[in-house]
Amino acid sequence: IEACMDFPILQKCFSKRILNRFEKQLNQYLNMSEVTE
């Protein structure tokens, strides 16, 4: 998330707890070997 251009906007809008949740969801997605139905 920090690597994204709009991260400063997200930082202003969401708590650290929510940003951590987003990061966890992104990591899960990015680490999937195959996106299932």
PDB file of all heavy atoms in Angstrom:
ATOM      1  N   ILE A   1       0.834  -1.201   0.000  1.00  0.00           N
ATOM      2  CA  ILE A   1       0.000   0.000   0.000  1.00  0.00           C
ATOM      3  C   ILE A   1       0.873   1.256   0.000  1.00  0.00           C
ATOM      4  O   ILE A   1       0.589   2.210  -0.709  1.00  0.00           O
ATOM      5  CB  ILE A   1      -0.968   0.002   1.206  1.00  0.00           C
ATOM      6  CG1 ILE A   1      -1.982  -1.115   1.047  1.00  0.00           C
ATOM      7  CG2 ILE A   1      -1.668   1.339   1.339  1.00  0.00           C
ATOM      8  CD1 ILE A   1      -2.926  -1.241   2.206  1.00  0.00           C
ATOM      9  N   GLU A   2       1.937   1.244   0.781  1.00  0.00           N
ATOM     10  CA  GLU A   2       2.814   2.419   0.841  1.00  0.00           C
ATOM     11  C   GLU A   2       3.437   2.745  -0.509  1.00  0.00           C
ATOM     12  O   GLU A   2       3.745   3.901  -0.784  1.00  0.00           O
ATOM     13  CB  GLU A   2       3.929   2.208   1.868  1.00  0.00           C
ATOM     14  CG  GLU A   2       3.475   2.413   3.280  1.00  0.00           C
ATOM     15  CD  GLU A   2       4.596   2.198   4.275  1.00  0.00           C
ATOM     16  OE1 GLU A   2       5.475   1.355   4.038  1.00  0.00           O
ATOM     17  OE2 GLU A   2       4.578   2.893   5.304  1.00  0.00           O
ATOM     18  N   ALA A   3       3.605   1.760  -1.343  1.00  0.00           N
ATOM     19  CA  ALA A   3       4.199   1.966  -2.663  1.00  0.00           C
ATOM     20  C   ALA A   3       3.228   2.640  -3.635  1.00  0.00           C
ATOM     21  O   ALA A   3       3.646   3.129  -4.679  1.00  0.00           O
ATOM     22  CB  ALA A   3       4.668   0.638  -3.237  1.00  0.00           C
ATOM     23  N   CYS A   4       1.966   2.687  -3.284  1.00  0.00           N
ATOM     24  CA  CYS A   4       0.957   3.274  -4.165  1.00  0.00           C
ATOM     25  C   CYS A   4       0.992   4.798  -4.095  1.00  0.00           C
ATOM     26  O   CYS A   4       1.190   5.376  -3.034  1.00  0.00           O
ATOM     27  CB  CYS A   4      -0.430   2.772  -3.791  1.00  0.00           C
ATOM     28  SG  CYS A   4      -0.617   0.997  -4.055  1.00  0.00           S
ATOM     29  N   MET A   5       0.760   5.412  -5.226  1.00  0.00           N
ATOM     30  CA  MET A   5       0.812   6.868  -5.340  1.00  0.00           C
ATOM     31  C   MET A   5      -0.172   7.559  -4.390  1.00  0.00           C
ATOM     32  O   MET A   5       0.134   8.617  -3.842  1.00  0.00           O
ATOM     33  CB  MET A   5       0.502   7.259  -6.789  1.00  0.00           C
ATOM     34  CG  MET A   5       0.552   8.743  -7.057  1.00  0.00           C
ATOM     35  SD  MET A   5       0.297   9.153  -8.787  1.00  0.00           S
ATOM     36  CE  MET A   5      -1.361   8.563  -9.059  1.00  0.00           C
ATOM     37  N   ASP A   6      -1.336   6.991  -4.179  1.00  0.00           N
ATOM     38  CA  ASP A   6      -2.361   7.622  -3.349  1.00  0.00           C
ATOM     39  C   ASP A   6      -2.317   7.192  -1.884  1.00  0.00           C
ATOM     40  O   ASP A   6      -3.254   7.453  -1.131  1.00  0.00           O
ATOM     41  CB  ASP A   6      -3.753   7.350  -3.930  1.00  0.00           C
ATOM     42  CG  ASP A   6      -4.033   8.196  -5.162  1.00  0.00           C
ATOM     43  OD1 ASP A   6      -3.261   9.146  -5.424  1.00  0.00           O
ATOM     44  OD2 ASP A   6      -5.013   7.911  -5.861  1.00  0.00           O
ATOM     45  N   PHE A   7      -1.224   6.570  -1.463  1.00  0.00           N
ATOM     46  CA  PHE A   7      -1.126   6.148  -0.069  1.00  0.00           C
ATOM     47  C   PHE A   7      -1.336   7.301   0.915  1.00  0.00           C
ATOM     48  O   PHE A   7      -2.043   7.126   1.914  1.00  0.00           O
ATOM     49  CB  PHE A   7       0.211   5.450   0.206  1.00  0.00           C
ATOM     50  CG  PHE A   7       0.375   5.057   1.640  1.00  0.00           C
ATOM     51  CD1 PHE A   7      -0.382   4.027   2.186  1.00  0.00           C
ATOM     52  CD2 PHE A   7       1.266   5.727   2.469  1.00  0.00           C
ATOM     53  CE1 PHE A   7      -0.249   3.675   3.526  1.00  0.00           C
ATOM     54  CE2 PHE A   7       1.411   5.381   3.795  1.00  0.00           C
ATOM     55  CZ  PHE A   7       0.655   4.354   4.322  1.00  0.00           C
ATOM     56  N   PRO A   8      -0.780   8.501   0.667  1.00  0.00           N
ATOM     57  CA  PRO A   8      -1.023   9.604   1.616  1.00  0.00           C
ATOM     58  C   PRO A   8      -2.515   9.911   1.794  1.00  0.00           C
ATOM     59  O   PRO A   8      -2.945  10.256   2.896  1.00  0.00           O
ATOM     60  CB  PRO A   8      -0.283  10.787   0.992  1.00  0.00           C
ATOM     61  CG  PRO A   8       0.808  10.156   0.188  1.00  0.00           C
ATOM     62  CD  PRO A   8       0.184   8.894  -0.369  1.00  0.00           C
ATOM     63  N   ILE A   9      -3.284   9.761   0.754  1.00  0.00           N
ATOM     64  CA  ILE A   9      -4.737   9.983   0.860  1.00  0.00           C
ATOM     65  C   ILE A   9      -5.357   8.908   1.737  1.00  0.00           C
ATOM     66  O   ILE A   9      -6.174   9.206   2.612  1.00  0.00           O
ATOM     67  CB  ILE A   9      -5.389   9.990  -0.541  1.00  0.00           C
ATOM     68  CG1 ILE A   9      -4.848  11.165  -1.361  1.00  0.00           C
ATOM     69  CG2 ILE A   9      -6.917  10.058  -0.422  1.00  0.00           C
ATOM     70  CD1 ILE A   9      -5.229  11.126  -2.825  1.00  0.00           C
ATOM     71  N   LEU A  10      -4.968   7.656   1.517  1.00  0.00           N
ATOM     72  CA  LEU A  10      -5.501   6.562   2.341  1.00  0.00           C
ATOM     73  C   LEU A  10      -5.104   6.748   3.797  1.00  0.00           C
ATOM     74  O   LEU A  10      -5.899   6.485   4.704  1.00  0.00           O
ATOM     75  CB  LEU A  10      -5.001   5.206   1.834  1.00  0.00           C
ATOM     76  CG  LEU A  10      -5.430   4.798   0.439  1.00  0.00           C
ATOM     77  CD1 LEU A  10      -4.909   3.400   0.123  1.00  0.00           C
ATOM     78  CD2 LEU A  10      -6.921   4.867   0.254  1.00  0.00           C
ATOM     79  N   GLN A  11      -3.892   7.216   4.029  1.00  0.00           N
ATOM     80  CA  GLN A  11      -3.416   7.448   5.389  1.00  0.00           C
ATOM     81  C   GLN A  11      -4.266   8.482   6.112  1.00  0.00           C
ATOM     82  O   GLN A  11      -4.481   8.374   7.319  1.00  0.00           O
ATOM     83  CB  GLN A  11      -1.970   7.945   5.338  1.00  0.00           C
ATOM     84  CG  GLN A  11      -1.001   7.056   5.997  1.00  0.00           C
ATOM     85  CD  GLN A  11       0.410   7.621   5.925  1.00  0.00           C
ATOM     86  OE1 GLN A  11       0.746   8.449   5.082  1.00  0.00           O
ATOM     87  NE2 GLN A  11       1.229   7.147   6.809  1.00  0.00           N
ATOM     88  N   LYS A  12      -4.728   9.481   5.383  1.00  0.00           N
ATOM     89  CA  LYS A  12      -5.575  10.513   5.980  1.00  0.00           C
ATOM     90  C   LYS A  12      -6.988  10.006   6.254  1.00  0.00           C
ATOM     91  O   LYS A  12      -7.682  10.532   7.112  1.00  0.00           O
ATOM     92  CB  LYS A  12      -5.653  11.736   5.064  1.00  0.00           C
ATOM     93  CG  LYS A  12      -4.374  12.513   4.993  1.00  0.00           C
ATOM     94  CD  LYS A  12      -4.512  13.679   4.043  1.00  0.00           C
ATOM     95  CE  LYS A  12      -3.200  14.413   3.896  1.00  0.00           C
ATOM     96  NZ  LYS A  12      -3.287  15.501   2.901  1.00  0.00           N
ATOM     97  N   CYS A  13      -7.404   8.994   5.508  1.00  0.00           N
ATOM     98  CA  CYS A  13      -8.793   8.532   5.587  1.00  0.00           C
ATOM     99  C   CYS A  13      -9.004   7.321   6.480  1.00  0.00           C
ATOM    100  O   CYS A  13     -10.112   7.108   6.959  1.00  0.00           O
ATOM    101  CB  CYS A  13      -9.294   8.196   4.189  1.00  0.00           C
ATOM    102  SG  CYS A  13      -9.372   9.628   3.109  1.00  0.00           S
ATOM    103  N   PHE A  14      -7.972   6.521   6.660  1.00  0.00           N
ATOM    104  CA  PHE A  14      -8.149   5.259   7.386  1.00  0.00           C
ATOM    105  C   PHE A  14      -7.143   5.117   8.516  1.00  0.00           C
ATOM    106  O   PHE A  14      -6.013   5.579   8.425  1.00  0.00           O
ATOM    107  CB  PHE A  14      -8.006   4.071   6.430  1.00  0.00           C
ATOM    108  CG  PHE A  14      -9.014   4.069   5.322  1.00  0.00           C
ATOM    109  CD1 PHE A  14      -8.624   4.304   4.011  1.00  0.00           C
ATOM    110  CD2 PHE A  14     -10.354   3.839   5.580  1.00  0.00           C
ATOM    111  CE1 PHE A  14      -9.548   4.305   2.977  1.00  0.00           C
ATOM    112  CE2 PHE A  14     -11.285   3.841   4.554  1.00  0.00           C
ATOM    113  CZ  PHE A  14     -10.880   4.073   3.249  1.00  0.00           C
ATOM    114  N   SER A  15      -7.571   4.437   9.557  1.00  0.00           N
ATOM    115  CA  SER A  15      -6.702   4.183  10.701  1.00  0.00           C
ATOM    116  C   SER A  15      -5.619   3.169  10.324  1.00  0.00           C
ATOM    117  O   SER A  15      -5.715   2.462   9.324  1.00  0.00           O
ATOM    118  CB  SER A  15      -7.522   3.624  11.869  1.00  0.00           C
ATOM    119  OG  SER A  15      -7.983   2.324  11.561  1.00  0.00           O
ATOM    120  N   LYS A  16      -4.615   3.093  11.157  1.00  0.00           N
ATOM    121  CA  LYS A  16      -3.531   2.115  10.967  1.00  0.00           C
ATOM    122  C   LYS A  16      -4.096   0.692  10.976  1.00  0.00           C
ATOM    123  O   LYS A  16      -3.651  -0.160  10.206  1.00  0.00           O
ATOM    124  CB  LYS A  16      -2.486   2.310  12.070  1.00  0.00           C
ATOM    125  CG  LYS A  16      -1.287   1.461  11.932  1.00  0.00           C
ATOM    126  CD  LYS A  16      -0.374   1.989  10.870  1.00  0.00           C
ATOM    127  CE  LYS A  16       0.963   1.268  10.940  1.00  0.00           C
ATOM    128  NZ  LYS A  16       1.797   1.546   9.802  1.00  0.00           N
ATOM    129  N   ARG A  17      -5.079   0.458  11.817  1.00  0.00           N
ATOM    130  CA  ARG A  17      -5.702  -0.873  11.902  1.00  0.00           C
ATOM    131  C   ARG A  17      -6.337  -1.260  10.565  1.00  0.00           C
ATOM    132  O   ARG A  17      -6.151  -2.376  10.081  1.00  0.00           O
ATOM    133  CB  ARG A  17      -6.749  -0.886  13.013  1.00  0.00           C
ATOM    134  CG  ARG A  17      -7.453  -2.220  13.209  1.00  0.00           C
ATOM    135  CD  ARG A  17      -8.485  -2.137  14.337  1.00  0.00           C
ATOM    136  NE  ARG A  17      -9.527  -1.161  14.120  1.00  0.00           N
ATOM    137  CZ  ARG A  17     -10.620  -1.379  13.374  1.00  0.00           C
ATOM    138  NH1 ARG A  17     -10.807  -2.530  12.802  1.00  0.00           N
ATOM    139  NH2 ARG A  17     -11.533  -0.441  13.243  1.00  0.00           N
ATOM    140  N   ILE A  18      -7.040  -0.340   9.957  1.00  0.00           N
ATOM    141  CA  ILE A  18      -7.689  -0.613   8.672  1.00  0.00           C
ATOM    142  C   ILE A  18      -6.644  -0.751   7.573  1.00  0.00           C
ATOM    143  O   ILE A  18      -6.741  -1.644   6.719  1.00  0.00           O
ATOM    144  CB  ILE A  18      -8.713   0.490   8.320  1.00  0.00           C
ATOM    145  CG1 ILE A  18      -9.852   0.504   9.332  1.00  0.00           C
ATOM    146  CG2 ILE A  18      -9.244   0.326   6.906  1.00  0.00           C
ATOM    147  CD1 ILE A  18     -10.704  -0.748   9.358  1.00  0.00           C
ATOM    148  N   LEU A  19      -5.622   0.095   7.585  1.00  0.00           N
ATOM    149  CA  LEU A  19      -4.549  -0.020   6.593  1.00  0.00           C
ATOM    150  C   LEU A  19      -3.851  -1.370   6.705  1.00  0.00           C
ATOM    151  O   LEU A  19      -3.506  -1.982   5.690  1.00  0.00           O
ATOM    152  CB  LEU A  19      -3.547   1.123   6.748  1.00  0.00           C
ATOM    153  CG  LEU A  19      -4.060   2.511   6.357  1.00  0.00           C
ATOM    154  CD1 LEU A  19      -3.044   3.576   6.740  1.00  0.00           C
ATOM    155  CD2 LEU A  19      -4.405   2.582   4.881  1.00  0.00           C
ATOM    156  N   ASN A  20      -3.654  -1.855   7.919  1.00  0.00           N
ATOM    157  CA  ASN A  20      -3.073  -3.190   8.110  1.00  0.00           C
ATOM    158  C   ASN A  20      -3.973  -4.267   7.523  1.00  0.00           C
ATOM    159  O   ASN A  20      -3.490  -5.235   6.925  1.00  0.00           O
ATOM    160  CB  ASN A  20      -2.813  -3.464   9.589  1.00  0.00           C
ATOM    161  CG  ASN A  20      -1.581  -2.760  10.102  1.00  0.00           C
ATOM    162  OD1 ASN A  20      -0.662  -2.452   9.354  1.00  0.00           O
ATOM    163  ND2 ASN A  20      -1.569  -2.485  11.392  1.00  0.00           N
ATOM    164  N   ARG A  21      -5.276  -4.107   7.709  1.00  0.00           N
ATOM    165  CA  ARG A  21      -6.218  -5.067   7.137  1.00  0.00           C
ATOM    166  C   ARG A  21      -6.140  -5.056   5.610  1.00  0.00           C
ATOM    167  O   ARG A  21      -6.122  -6.101   4.972  1.00  0.00           O
ATOM    168  CB  ARG A  21      -7.633  -4.767   7.603  1.00  0.00           C
ATOM    169  CG  ARG A  21      -8.624  -5.843   7.177  1.00  0.00           C
ATOM    170  CD  ARG A  21      -9.943  -5.641   7.835  1.00  0.00           C
ATOM    171  NE  ARG A  21     -10.843  -5.035   6.869  1.00  0.00           N
ATOM    172  CZ  ARG A  21     -11.998  -4.512   7.147  1.00  0.00           C
ATOM    173  NH1 ARG A  21     -12.417  -4.460   8.388  1.00  0.00           N
ATOM    174  NH2 ARG A  21     -12.757  -4.012   6.216  1.00  0.00           N
ATOM    175  N   PHE A  22      -6.079  -3.860   5.032  1.00  0.00           N
ATOM    176  CA  PHE A  22      -5.938  -3.752   3.577  1.00  0.00           C
ATOM    177  C   PHE A  22      -4.657  -4.436   3.102  1.00  0.00           C
ATOM    178  O   PHE A  22      -4.655  -5.154   2.096  1.00  0.00           O
ATOM    179  CB  PHE A  22      -5.904  -2.291   3.134  1.00  0.00           C
ATOM    180  CG  PHE A  22      -7.193  -1.541   3.316  1.00  0.00           C
ATOM    181  CD1 PHE A  22      -7.170  -0.156   3.395  1.00  0.00           C
ATOM    182  CD2 PHE A  22      -8.416  -2.179   3.396  1.00  0.00           C
ATOM    183  CE1 PHE A  22      -8.343   0.572   3.540  1.00  0.00           C
ATOM    184  CE2 PHE A  22      -9.603  -1.473   3.554  1.00  0.00           C
ATOM    185  CZ  PHE A  22      -9.557  -0.086   3.622  1.00  0.00           C
ATOM    186  N   GLU A  23      -3.566  -4.203   3.815  1.00  0.00           N
ATOM    187  CA  GLU A  23      -2.285  -4.810   3.440  1.00  0.00           C
ATOM    188  C   GLU A  23      -2.370  -6.334   3.495  1.00  0.00           C
ATOM    189  O   GLU A  23      -1.872  -7.021   2.599  1.00  0.00           O
ATOM    190  CB  GLU A  23      -1.176  -4.302   4.362  1.00  0.00           C
ATOM    191  CG  GLU A  23       0.200  -4.785   3.986  1.00  0.00           C
ATOM    192  CD  GLU A  23       0.735  -4.169   2.703  1.00  0.00           C
ATOM    193  OE1 GLU A  23       0.272  -3.084   2.289  1.00  0.00           O
ATOM    194  OE2 GLU A  23       1.643  -4.775   2.094  1.00  0.00           O
ATOM    195  N   LYS A  24      -3.014  -6.852   4.515  1.00  0.00           N
ATOM    196  CA  LYS A  24      -3.180  -8.305   4.640  1.00  0.00           C
ATOM    197  C   LYS A  24      -3.990  -8.855   3.464  1.00  0.00           C
ATOM    198  O   LYS A  24      -3.639  -9.883   2.880  1.00  0.00           O
ATOM    199  CB  LYS A  24      -3.866  -8.631   5.968  1.00  0.00           C
ATOM    200  CG  LYS A  24      -4.016 -10.091   6.245  1.00  0.00           C
ATOM    201  CD  LYS A  24      -4.640 -10.329   7.605  1.00  0.00           C
ATOM    202  CE  LYS A  24      -4.844 -11.808   7.845  1.00  0.00           C
ATOM    203  NZ  LYS A  24      -5.446 -12.073   9.142  1.00  0.00           N
ATOM    204  N   GLN A  25      -5.067  -8.167   3.100  1.00  0.00           N
ATOM    205  CA  GLN A  25      -5.891  -8.599   1.974  1.00  0.00           C
ATOM    206  C   GLN A  25      -5.111  -8.538   0.662  1.00  0.00           C
ATOM    207  O   GLN A  25      -5.216  -9.441  -0.167  1.00  0.00           O
ATOM    208  CB  GLN A  25      -7.155  -7.738   1.870  1.00  0.00           C
ATOM    209  CG  GLN A  25      -8.132  -7.969   2.994  1.00  0.00           C
ATOM    210  CD  GLN A  25      -9.273  -6.963   2.988  1.00  0.00           C
ATOM    211  OE1 GLN A  25      -9.143  -5.847   2.498  1.00  0.00           O
ATOM    212  NE2 GLN A  25     -10.406  -7.370   3.553  1.00  0.00           N
ATOM    213  N   LEU A  26      -4.332  -7.485   0.482  1.00  0.00           N
ATOM    214  CA  LEU A  26      -3.518  -7.369  -0.728  1.00  0.00           C
ATOM    215  C   LEU A  26      -2.465  -8.464  -0.800  1.00  0.00           C
ATOM    216  O   LEU A  26      -2.256  -9.070  -1.855  1.00  0.00           O
ATOM    217  CB  LEU A  26      -2.824  -6.005  -0.775  1.00  0.00           C
ATOM    218  CG  LEU A  26      -3.562  -4.886  -1.456  1.00  0.00           C
ATOM    219  CD1 LEU A  26      -2.729  -3.616  -1.427  1.00  0.00           C
ATOM    220  CD2 LEU A  26      -3.934  -5.227  -2.871  1.00  0.00           C
ATOM    221  N   ASN A  27      -1.794  -8.715   0.306  1.00  0.00           N
ATOM    222  CA  ASN A  27      -0.785  -9.773   0.325  1.00  0.00           C
ATOM    223  C   ASN A  27      -1.383 -11.127   0.013  1.00  0.00           C
ATOM    224  O   ASN A  27      -0.787 -11.928  -0.708  1.00  0.00           O
ATOM    225  CB  ASN A  27      -0.047  -9.797   1.663  1.00  0.00           C
ATOM    226  CG  ASN A  27       0.950  -8.679   1.783  1.00  0.00           C
ATOM    227  OD1 ASN A  27       1.506  -8.214   0.795  1.00  0.00           O
ATOM    228  ND2 ASN A  27       1.178  -8.213   3.003  1.00  0.00           N
ATOM    229  N   GLN A  28      -2.558 -11.382   0.563  1.00  0.00           N
ATOM    230  CA  GLN A  28      -3.231 -12.652   0.275  1.00  0.00           C
ATOM    231  C   GLN A  28      -3.488 -12.766  -1.232  1.00  0.00           C
ATOM    232  O   GLN A  28      -3.207 -13.798  -1.837  1.00  0.00           O
ATOM    233  CB  GLN A  28      -4.548 -12.745   1.036  1.00  0.00           C
ATOM    234  CG  GLN A  28      -5.323 -14.010   0.752  1.00  0.00           C
ATOM    235  CD  GLN A  28      -6.697 -14.014   1.404  1.00  0.00           C
ATOM    236  OE1 GLN A  28      -7.223 -12.976   1.786  1.00  0.00           O
ATOM    237  NE2 GLN A  28      -7.287 -15.175   1.520  1.00  0.00           N
ATOM    238  N   TYR A  29      -3.994 -11.708  -1.821  1.00  0.00           N
ATOM    239  CA  TYR A  29      -4.271 -11.693  -3.256  1.00  0.00           C
ATOM    240  C   TYR A  29      -2.993 -11.858  -4.081  1.00  0.00           C
ATOM    241  O   TYR A  29      -2.932 -12.680  -4.998  1.00  0.00           O
ATOM    242  CB  TYR A  29      -4.980 -10.388  -3.613  1.00  0.00           C
ATOM    243  CG  TYR A  29      -5.036 -10.091  -5.089  1.00  0.00           C
ATOM    244  CD1 TYR A  29      -5.861 -10.835  -5.931  1.00  0.00           C
ATOM    245  CD2 TYR A  29      -4.277  -9.065  -5.637  1.00  0.00           C
ATOM    246  CE1 TYR A  29      -5.917 -10.561  -7.293  1.00  0.00           C
ATOM    247  CE2 TYR A  29      -4.333  -8.779  -6.988  1.00  0.00           C
ATOM    248  CZ  TYR A  29      -5.149  -9.533  -7.805  1.00  0.00           C
ATOM    249  OH  TYR A  29      -5.198  -9.267  -9.154  1.00  0.00           O
ATOM    250  N   LEU A  30      -1.977 -11.095  -3.748  1.00  0.00           N
ATOM    251  CA  LEU A  30      -0.733 -11.122  -4.520  1.00  0.00           C
ATOM    252  C   LEU A  30       0.019 -12.438  -4.386  1.00  0.00           C
ATOM    253  O   LEU A  30       0.773 -12.820  -5.289  1.00  0.00           O
ATOM    254  CB  LEU A  30       0.163  -9.952  -4.098  1.00  0.00           C
ATOM    255  CG  LEU A  30      -0.384  -8.572  -4.452  1.00  0.00           C
ATOM    256  CD1 LEU A  30       0.467  -7.485  -3.803  1.00  0.00           C
ATOM    257  CD2 LEU A  30      -0.466  -8.376  -5.953  1.00  0.00           C
ATOM    258  N   ASN A  31      -0.193 -13.129  -3.285  1.00  0.00           N
ATOM    259  CA  ASN A  31       0.494 -14.403  -3.071  1.00  0.00           C
ATOM    260  C   ASN A  31      -0.288 -15.617  -3.567  1.00  0.00           C
ATOM    261  O   ASN A  31       0.201 -16.740  -3.443  1.00  0.00           O
ATOM    262  CB  ASN A  31       0.833 -14.573  -1.588  1.00  0.00           C
ATOM    263  CG  ASN A  31       1.891 -13.596  -1.141  1.00  0.00           C
ATOM    264  OD1 ASN A  31       2.818 -13.277  -1.883  1.00  0.00           O
ATOM    265  ND2 ASN A  31       1.755 -13.088   0.071  1.00  0.00           N
ATOM    266  N   MET A  32      -1.462 -15.383  -4.125  1.00  0.00           N
ATOM    267  CA  MET A  32      -2.252 -16.492  -4.648  1.00  0.00           C
ATOM    268  C   MET A  32      -1.585 -17.021  -5.918  1.00  0.00           C
ATOM    269  O   MET A  32      -1.196 -16.250  -6.788  1.00  0.00           O
ATOM    270  CB  MET A  32      -3.674 -16.041  -4.991  1.00  0.00           C
ATOM    271  CG  MET A  32      -4.500 -15.651  -3.799  1.00  0.00           C
ATOM    272  SD  MET A  32      -6.134 -15.022  -4.269  1.00  0.00           S
ATOM    273  CE  MET A  32      -6.983 -16.556  -4.540  1.00  0.00           C
ATOM    274  N   SER A  33      -1.465 -18.322  -6.007  1.00  0.00           N
ATOM    275  CA  SER A  33      -0.896 -18.905  -7.219  1.00  0.00           C
ATOM    276  C   SER A  33      -1.925 -18.889  -8.350  1.00  0.00           C
ATOM    277  O   SER A  33      -1.566 -18.830  -9.522  1.00  0.00           O
ATOM    278  CB  SER A  33      -0.408 -20.332  -6.962  1.00  0.00           C
ATOM    279  OG  SER A  33      -1.472 -21.130  -6.490  1.00  0.00           O
ATOM    280  N   GLU A  34      -3.189 -18.924  -7.965  1.00  0.00           N
ATOM    281  CA  GLU A  34      -4.274 -18.895  -8.942  1.00  0.00           C
ATOM    282  C   GLU A  34      -5.490 -18.223  -8.313  1.00  0.00           C
ATOM    283  O   GLU A  34      -5.849 -18.520  -7.181  1.00  0.00           O
ATOM    284  CB  GLU A  34      -4.643 -20.325  -9.349  1.00  0.00           C
ATOM    285  CG  GLU A  34      -5.736 -20.414 -10.371  1.00  0.00           C
ATOM    286  CD  GLU A  34      -6.057 -21.868 -10.749  1.00  0.00           C
ATOM    287  OE1 GLU A  34      -5.182 -22.733 -10.611  1.00  0.00           O
ATOM    288  OE2 GLU A  34      -7.191 -22.108 -11.153  1.00  0.00           O
ATOM    289  N   VAL A  35      -6.092 -17.304  -9.042  1.00  0.00           N
ATOM    290  CA  VAL A  35      -7.302 -16.646  -8.561  1.00  0.00           C
ATOM    291  C   VAL A  35      -8.482 -17.563  -8.886  1.00  0.00           C
ATOM    292  O   VAL A  35      -8.755 -17.832 -10.047  1.00  0.00           O
ATOM    293  CB  VAL A  35      -7.480 -15.251  -9.204  1.00  0.00           C
ATOM    294  CG1 VAL A  35      -8.770 -14.605  -8.736  1.00  0.00           C
ATOM    295  CG2 VAL A  35      -6.288 -14.366  -8.896  1.00  0.00           C
ATOM    296  N   THR A  36      -9.151 -18.024  -7.849  1.00  0.00           N
ATOM    297  CA  THR A  36     -10.227 -18.988  -8.027  1.00  0.00           C
ATOM    298  C   THR A  36     -11.570 -18.293  -8.266  1.00  0.00           C
ATOM    299  O   THR A  36     -11.739 -17.112  -7.970  1.00  0.00           O
ATOM    300  CB  THR A  36     -10.361 -19.883  -6.778  1.00  0.00           C
ATOM    301  OG1 THR A  36     -10.738 -19.054  -5.674  1.00  0.00           O
ATOM    302  CG2 THR A  36      -9.062 -20.612  -6.482  1.00  0.00           C
ATOM    303  N   GLU A  37     -12.503 -19.052  -8.761  1.00  0.00           N
ATOM    304  CA  GLU A  37     -13.856 -18.546  -8.978  1.00  0.00           C
ATOM    305  C   GLU A  37     -14.486 -18.125  -7.653  1.00  0.00           C
ATOM    306  O   GLU A  37     -15.171 -17.106  -7.588  1.00  0.00           O
ATOM    307  CB  GLU A  37     -14.716 -19.625  -9.652  1.00  0.00           C
ATOM    308  CG  GLU A  37     -16.048 -19.134 -10.145  1.00  0.00           C
ATOM    309  CD  GLU A  37     -15.932 -18.136 -11.296  1.00  0.00           C
ATOM    310  OE1 GLU A  37     -15.033 -18.263 -12.132  1.00  0.00           O
ATOM    311  OE2 GLU A  37     -16.754 -17.203 -11.340  1.00  0.00           O
TER     312      GLU A  37
END
